Protein backbone atom coordinates (compact mmCIF):
# COMPACT_ATOMS: atom_id res chain seq x y z
CA UNK A 1 -4.27 -17.52 -18.08
CA UNK A 2 -3.26 -18.36 -14.50
CA UNK A 3 -0.73 -16.41 -12.57
CA UNK A 4 1.90 -19.17 -12.78
CA UNK A 5 1.43 -19.29 -16.61
CA UNK A 6 1.83 -15.56 -16.85
CA UNK A 7 5.04 -15.71 -14.84
CA UNK A 8 6.31 -18.55 -16.99
CA UNK A 9 5.51 -16.60 -20.15
CA UNK A 10 7.27 -13.48 -18.76
CA UNK A 11 10.35 -15.57 -17.77
CA UNK A 12 10.50 -16.73 -21.39
CA UNK A 13 10.38 -13.10 -22.64
CA UNK A 14 6.73 -13.21 -23.66
CA UNK A 15 5.19 -9.76 -22.99
CA UNK A 16 1.69 -11.38 -22.71
CA UNK A 17 2.61 -12.55 -19.26
CA UNK A 18 3.50 -9.04 -18.14
CA UNK A 19 0.21 -7.75 -19.64
CA UNK A 20 -1.70 -10.29 -17.63
CA UNK A 21 0.06 -9.31 -14.37
CA UNK A 22 -0.47 -5.69 -15.02
CA UNK A 23 -4.17 -6.35 -15.45
CA UNK A 24 -4.32 -8.33 -12.20
CA UNK A 25 -2.23 -6.08 -9.98
CA UNK A 26 -2.16 -2.54 -11.29
CA UNK A 27 -5.12 -1.10 -9.41
CA UNK A 28 -4.03 -2.60 -6.07
CA UNK A 29 -0.48 -1.53 -6.61
CA UNK A 30 -1.41 2.07 -7.42
CA UNK A 31 -3.60 2.15 -4.30
CA UNK A 32 -0.74 0.78 -2.12
CA UNK A 33 1.74 3.33 -3.53
CA UNK A 34 -0.76 6.10 -3.13
CA UNK A 35 -1.32 5.21 0.51
CA UNK A 36 2.40 5.67 1.12
CA UNK A 37 3.02 8.62 -1.26
CA UNK A 38 -0.10 10.79 -0.94
CA UNK A 39 0.38 11.67 -4.59
CA UNK A 40 -1.53 9.92 -7.41
CA UNK A 41 0.88 10.95 -10.13
CA UNK A 42 3.86 9.71 -8.15
CA UNK A 43 2.04 6.53 -7.31
CA UNK A 44 1.25 5.77 -10.93
CA UNK A 45 4.97 6.50 -11.82
CA UNK A 46 6.18 4.17 -9.05
CA UNK A 47 3.88 1.39 -10.15
CA UNK A 48 4.86 1.81 -13.82
CA UNK A 49 8.53 1.62 -12.78
CA UNK A 50 7.77 -1.40 -10.59
CA UNK A 51 6.26 -3.26 -13.61
CA UNK A 52 9.31 -2.41 -15.69
CA UNK A 53 11.58 -3.65 -12.89
CA UNK A 54 9.42 -6.80 -12.68
CA UNK A 55 10.10 -7.40 -16.40
CA UNK A 56 13.82 -7.05 -15.75
CA UNK A 57 13.92 -9.00 -12.48
CA UNK A 58 11.47 -11.83 -13.17
CA UNK A 59 14.49 -14.20 -13.16
CA UNK A 60 15.04 -13.38 -9.49
CA UNK A 61 11.46 -14.45 -8.57
CA UNK A 62 11.38 -17.68 -6.47
CA UNK A 63 8.53 -19.69 -7.94
CA UNK A 64 8.18 -21.51 -4.57
CA UNK A 65 6.93 -18.34 -2.95
CA UNK A 66 3.75 -16.29 -3.74
CA UNK A 67 4.06 -13.65 -6.39
CA UNK A 68 1.91 -10.80 -4.85
CA UNK A 69 4.04 -10.21 -1.74
CA UNK A 70 7.19 -10.12 -3.77
CA UNK A 71 5.78 -7.61 -6.25
CA UNK A 72 4.20 -5.45 -3.60
CA UNK A 73 7.59 -5.34 -1.81
CA UNK A 74 8.97 -3.75 -4.98
CA UNK A 75 6.07 -1.26 -5.05
CA UNK A 76 6.25 -0.29 -1.37
CA UNK A 77 10.09 -0.02 -1.45
CA UNK A 78 9.90 2.13 -4.53
CA UNK A 79 7.28 4.34 -2.92
CA UNK A 80 9.51 4.81 0.14
CA UNK A 81 12.47 5.68 -2.12
CA UNK A 82 10.33 8.19 -4.03
CA UNK A 83 9.47 9.95 -0.76
CA UNK A 84 13.06 10.11 0.28
CA UNK A 85 14.01 11.34 -3.20
CA UNK A 86 11.29 13.91 -3.67
CA UNK A 87 10.56 14.78 0.05
CA UNK A 88 6.99 15.58 -0.98
CA UNK A 89 3.94 14.54 0.91
CA UNK A 90 0.55 15.67 -0.45
CA UNK A 91 -2.82 15.48 1.31
CA UNK A 92 -5.02 12.46 1.47
CA UNK A 93 -8.01 14.22 -0.17
CA UNK A 94 -7.78 12.29 -3.49
CA UNK A 95 -7.74 9.04 -1.61
CA UNK A 96 -10.78 10.00 0.44
CA UNK A 97 -12.77 10.89 -2.77
CA UNK A 98 -11.61 7.76 -4.62
CA UNK A 99 -12.51 5.52 -1.76
CA UNK A 100 -15.87 6.93 -0.73
CA UNK A 101 -17.92 4.60 -2.88
CA UNK A 102 -16.05 1.54 -1.45
CA UNK A 103 -16.77 2.79 2.05
CA UNK A 104 -20.47 3.09 1.51
CA UNK A 105 -21.91 -0.53 1.59
CA UNK A 106 -25.44 0.94 1.96
CA UNK A 107 -27.03 4.30 1.54
CA UNK A 108 -26.38 5.89 4.89
CA UNK A 109 -28.65 8.32 6.62
CA UNK A 110 -27.48 11.96 6.71
CA UNK A 111 -26.42 11.44 10.32
CA UNK A 112 -24.44 8.32 9.38
CA UNK A 113 -22.82 10.11 6.54
CA UNK A 114 -21.73 13.00 8.76
CA UNK A 115 -20.37 10.60 11.38
CA UNK A 116 -18.51 8.59 8.72
CA UNK A 117 -17.05 11.81 7.13
CA UNK A 118 -15.81 13.10 10.48
CA UNK A 119 -14.32 9.75 11.33
CA UNK A 120 -12.69 9.42 7.94
CA UNK A 121 -11.22 12.94 8.11
CA UNK A 122 -9.84 12.26 11.63
CA UNK A 123 -8.19 9.06 10.41
CA UNK A 124 -6.69 10.69 7.33
CA UNK A 125 -5.37 13.57 9.43
CA UNK A 126 -3.85 11.19 11.92
CA UNK A 127 -2.28 9.04 9.15
CA UNK A 128 -0.83 12.14 7.59
CA UNK A 129 1.15 12.79 10.81
CA UNK A 130 2.91 9.36 10.75
CA UNK A 131 6.41 8.94 9.26
CA UNK A 132 6.59 7.44 5.79
CA UNK A 133 8.04 4.20 7.27
CA UNK A 134 5.12 4.03 9.78
CA UNK A 135 2.60 4.62 6.99
CA UNK A 136 4.27 1.94 4.95
CA UNK A 137 4.03 -0.50 7.78
CA UNK A 138 0.33 0.35 8.25
CA UNK A 139 -0.33 -0.06 4.49
CA UNK A 140 1.53 -3.41 4.29
CA UNK A 141 -0.20 -4.79 7.44
CA UNK A 142 -3.75 -3.48 7.13
CA UNK A 143 -4.16 -2.82 3.37
CA UNK A 144 -2.09 -5.58 1.88
CA UNK A 145 -2.90 -8.03 4.74
CA UNK A 146 0.79 -8.98 5.25
CA UNK A 147 1.93 -10.69 8.50
CA UNK A 148 4.81 -9.26 10.49
CA UNK A 149 7.28 -11.91 9.38
CA UNK A 150 6.34 -11.45 5.74
CA UNK A 151 6.71 -7.66 6.12
CA UNK A 152 10.18 -8.10 7.60
CA UNK A 153 11.18 -10.41 4.76
CA UNK A 154 9.73 -8.00 2.10
CA UNK A 155 11.44 -4.94 3.67
CA UNK A 156 14.66 -6.73 4.44
CA UNK A 157 14.52 -5.62 8.06
CA UNK A 158 14.52 -7.50 11.34
CA UNK A 159 11.10 -8.73 12.58
CA UNK A 160 11.61 -6.53 15.62
CA UNK A 161 11.89 -3.49 13.43
CA UNK A 162 8.58 -4.20 11.83
CA UNK A 163 6.93 -4.85 15.16
CA UNK A 164 8.41 -1.59 16.47
CA UNK A 165 7.19 0.41 13.42
CA UNK A 166 3.71 -0.98 13.79
CA UNK A 167 3.72 -0.44 17.53
CA UNK A 168 4.87 3.14 17.16
CA UNK A 169 2.30 3.81 14.35
CA UNK A 170 -0.57 2.31 16.26
CA UNK A 171 0.50 4.14 19.45
CA UNK A 172 0.75 7.42 17.58
CA UNK A 173 -2.67 6.78 15.90
CA UNK A 174 -4.21 6.05 19.27
CA UNK A 175 -2.84 9.26 20.68
CA UNK A 176 -3.97 11.31 17.71
CA UNK A 177 -7.47 9.73 17.55
CA UNK A 178 -8.08 9.73 21.30
CA UNK A 179 -9.90 13.07 21.11
CA UNK A 180 -11.92 11.76 18.25
CA UNK A 181 -13.33 8.83 20.26
CA UNK A 182 -11.94 6.39 17.62
CA UNK A 183 -10.06 3.32 18.82
CA UNK A 184 -7.09 1.69 17.04
CA UNK A 185 -6.68 -2.01 17.57
């Protein structure tokens, strides 16, 4: 089944379409929510709710536009709402452990492993010090590969606001990582 077929099925009330979309986007959506929330349980809840909202709101989807950015807008916005509602930010430790295999393209030497671990820890500590809005901007730009205009559309904010959040986040990361000899581009 293709994405357009799944969306058409879902628009006709066929749950098979939703099942296909869940299979395609669930892992990425949970990761995106987790990057904003710092809590795996909350991330899974946010994504589950996002899929339920997708089922209810599929009629609002503009078939002329790509599906993924529209759906991830729901996920990121719900994650930000969850932060505001719960006011709870947990550590990035689960993310570090879950992503270690993906970060190791080859078997590193012990020195490389130590260097990577130190760099990773420095980056996570720095990300932890950003505001939720700045983290969301970093996630959308660098994890979900969204452009600034697309981010502005998805967040319903002015393009200047997105640019400012990204600028502030990168500036803060540079400041925090300067002592670690890591450069943020």
